Amino acid sequence: MSSTPAPRTVVIRYVEAVRDGDADVIHDSFAEDATWHYPGSLPVSKVWHGRDAIINDFLGGMGPAFVPGSLEIALVSTLAEGDRVVAEWTSRATTVHGSIYDNRCLGIFTVRDGKITSVIEYADTHHVAATLFPDHDTPRPVGDA
């Protein structure tokens, strides 16, 4: 008898797969029609639609910003309620621009039938801009600031 893993288990397995570079588990963690929302005004800020776009374009597109072998991911904590899991992790690496990327991230994951169906990720986007996209001109907010 096969059982569907708990949402928290799915998210922990996914974060550990990213840490370990396990592409098969990363791919298997997402539903085909999953979404990943990365808010902000960075080149990667948008809602990414579909497992392939998330893995190949968003996650895979970030890889070239880091010196190979320097990325360290550590899961800090998780909270789960129903199909929603909040995960906090740290990411640290040396960038190809020569700076240290050191960020604390938080993702709100929705998991259904053992697959991640959506993620909203929050991080220090100012730090991301300064270390990963130093040549990107981040627009200033319009209106009340």
Protein backbone atom coordinates (compact mmCIF):
# COMPACT_ATOMS: atom_id res chain seq x y z
CA MET A 1 0.00 0.00 0.00
CA SER A 2 1.50 3.32 -1.00
CA SER A 3 0.74 6.42 0.97
CA THR A 4 1.16 10.05 0.05
CA PRO A 5 3.87 11.74 2.11
CA ALA A 6 2.88 14.57 4.44
CA PRO A 7 3.33 18.08 3.00
CA ARG A 8 6.12 18.87 5.49
CA THR A 9 7.99 15.73 4.41
CA VAL A 10 7.68 16.74 0.73
CA VAL A 11 9.10 20.22 1.41
CA ILE A 12 11.96 18.98 3.60
CA ARG A 13 12.86 16.39 0.95
CA TYR A 14 12.83 19.12 -1.72
CA VAL A 15 15.07 21.54 0.25
CA GLU A 16 17.48 18.71 1.04
CA ALA A 17 17.54 17.76 -2.66
CA VAL A 18 18.46 21.35 -3.57
CA ARG A 19 21.19 21.26 -0.93
CA ASP A 20 22.49 17.94 -2.25
CA GLY A 21 22.09 18.76 -5.95
CA ASP A 22 19.69 15.82 -6.51
CA ALA A 23 18.04 16.83 -9.81
CA ASP A 24 15.73 13.79 -9.92
CA VAL A 25 14.20 14.50 -6.51
CA ILE A 26 13.92 18.22 -7.31
CA HIS A 27 12.02 17.38 -10.52
CA ASP A 28 9.84 14.80 -8.77
CA SER A 29 8.94 17.28 -6.00
CA PHE A 30 6.85 19.53 -8.26
CA ALA A 31 3.47 19.08 -9.90
CA GLU A 32 3.68 19.62 -13.65
CA ASP A 33 1.56 22.81 -13.40
CA ALA A 34 3.23 24.23 -10.28
CA THR A 35 3.89 27.96 -9.83
CA TRP A 36 6.69 29.82 -8.05
CA HIS A 37 6.23 33.49 -7.22
CA TYR A 38 9.40 35.50 -6.57
CA PRO A 39 8.21 39.04 -5.71
CA GLY A 40 10.21 42.19 -6.34
CA SER A 41 11.73 44.04 -9.25
CA LEU A 42 14.67 41.77 -10.09
CA PRO A 43 15.21 40.02 -13.42
CA VAL A 44 13.88 36.82 -11.78
CA SER A 45 10.89 38.51 -10.08
CA LYS A 46 7.67 37.15 -11.49
CA VAL A 47 5.38 34.16 -11.25
CA TRP A 48 7.09 31.18 -12.86
CA HIS A 49 4.54 28.77 -14.39
CA GLY A 50 5.13 25.05 -14.75
CA ARG A 51 7.63 22.59 -13.30
CA ASP A 52 10.01 22.90 -16.26
CA ALA A 53 10.13 26.71 -16.11
CA ILE A 54 10.67 26.62 -12.33
CA ILE A 55 13.47 24.06 -12.51
CA ASN A 56 15.20 24.99 -15.76
CA ASP A 57 14.67 28.75 -16.02
CA PHE A 58 14.26 30.03 -12.45
CA LEU A 59 16.28 27.65 -10.27
CA GLY A 60 18.63 26.60 -13.06
CA GLY A 61 19.04 30.18 -14.19
CA MET A 62 20.38 31.17 -10.78
CA GLY A 63 23.18 28.57 -10.85
CA PRO A 64 25.51 30.51 -13.19
CA ALA A 65 25.53 33.42 -10.70
CA PHE A 66 27.47 31.28 -8.19
CA VAL A 67 31.01 29.93 -8.23
CA PRO A 68 30.57 26.19 -8.87
CA GLY A 69 30.59 24.15 -5.67
CA SER A 70 30.23 27.17 -3.37
CA LEU A 71 26.46 27.05 -2.74
CA GLU A 72 25.43 25.94 0.75
CA ILE A 73 21.75 25.52 1.63
CA ALA A 74 20.60 24.86 5.21
CA LEU A 75 17.02 24.28 6.32
CA VAL A 76 16.35 26.34 9.46
CA SER A 77 12.75 25.42 10.26
CA THR A 78 9.36 24.37 8.95
CA LEU A 79 5.80 24.96 10.08
CA ALA A 80 2.94 23.00 8.56
CA GLU A 81 -0.82 23.28 8.64
CA GLY A 82 -2.88 21.21 6.27
CA ASP A 83 -1.45 21.42 2.76
CA ARG A 84 0.61 24.56 3.51
CA VAL A 85 4.21 24.49 4.72
CA VAL A 86 6.33 27.49 5.64
CA ALA A 87 10.01 26.70 5.28
CA GLU A 88 12.93 28.91 6.29
CA TRP A 89 16.39 28.27 4.88
CA THR A 90 19.73 29.97 4.45
CA SER A 91 21.64 30.21 1.19
CA ARG A 92 25.32 31.07 1.12
CA ALA A 93 27.71 31.12 -1.83
CA THR A 94 30.46 33.03 -3.55
CA THR A 95 29.14 34.83 -6.61
CA VAL A 96 30.84 35.07 -9.98
CA HIS A 97 31.05 38.83 -9.26
CA GLY A 98 33.35 38.09 -6.30
CA SER A 99 30.91 38.89 -3.50
CA ILE A 100 29.42 36.68 -0.81
CA TYR A 101 25.75 35.83 -1.18
CA ASP A 102 24.36 35.17 2.29
CA ASN A 103 20.58 35.27 2.51
CA ARG A 104 17.81 33.96 4.73
CA CYS A 105 14.80 32.89 2.72
CA LEU A 106 11.23 31.94 3.51
CA GLY A 107 8.90 30.00 1.26
CA ILE A 108 5.22 29.34 1.61
CA PHE A 109 4.66 25.99 -0.11
CA THR A 110 1.35 24.41 -1.03
CA VAL A 111 1.54 20.63 -1.40
CA ARG A 112 -1.21 18.45 -2.86
CA ASP A 113 -1.07 14.72 -3.56
CA GLY A 114 2.60 14.61 -2.57
CA LYS A 115 3.70 17.33 -5.02
CA ILE A 116 4.54 21.02 -4.57
CA THR A 117 1.87 22.96 -6.44
CA SER A 118 2.86 26.52 -5.51
CA VAL A 119 5.58 28.49 -3.75
CA ILE A 120 5.80 32.12 -2.74
CA GLU A 121 9.39 32.94 -1.79
CA TYR A 122 10.51 35.89 0.29
CA ALA A 123 14.14 36.97 0.67
CA ASP A 124 16.21 40.10 1.08
CA THR A 125 15.82 41.25 -2.53
CA HIS A 126 18.11 44.23 -1.91
CA HIS A 127 20.89 41.77 -1.04
CA VAL A 128 19.98 39.60 -4.05
CA ALA A 129 20.21 42.66 -6.32
CA ALA A 130 23.52 43.82 -4.86
CA THR A 131 25.24 40.43 -4.99
CA LEU A 132 23.66 38.55 -7.90
CA PHE A 133 22.54 41.35 -10.21
CA PRO A 134 24.94 44.23 -9.53
CA ASP A 135 24.45 45.67 -13.02
CA HIS A 136 20.63 45.59 -12.82
CA ASP A 137 19.00 48.98 -12.36
CA THR A 138 16.26 48.30 -9.80
CA PRO A 139 13.34 50.68 -10.30
CA ARG A 140 12.18 52.74 -7.35
CA PRO A 141 8.63 52.23 -6.04
CA VAL A 142 6.03 54.68 -7.28
CA GLY A 143 3.67 56.36 -4.80
CA ASP A 144 3.95 56.39 -1.03
CA ALA A 145 7.33 55.20 0.14
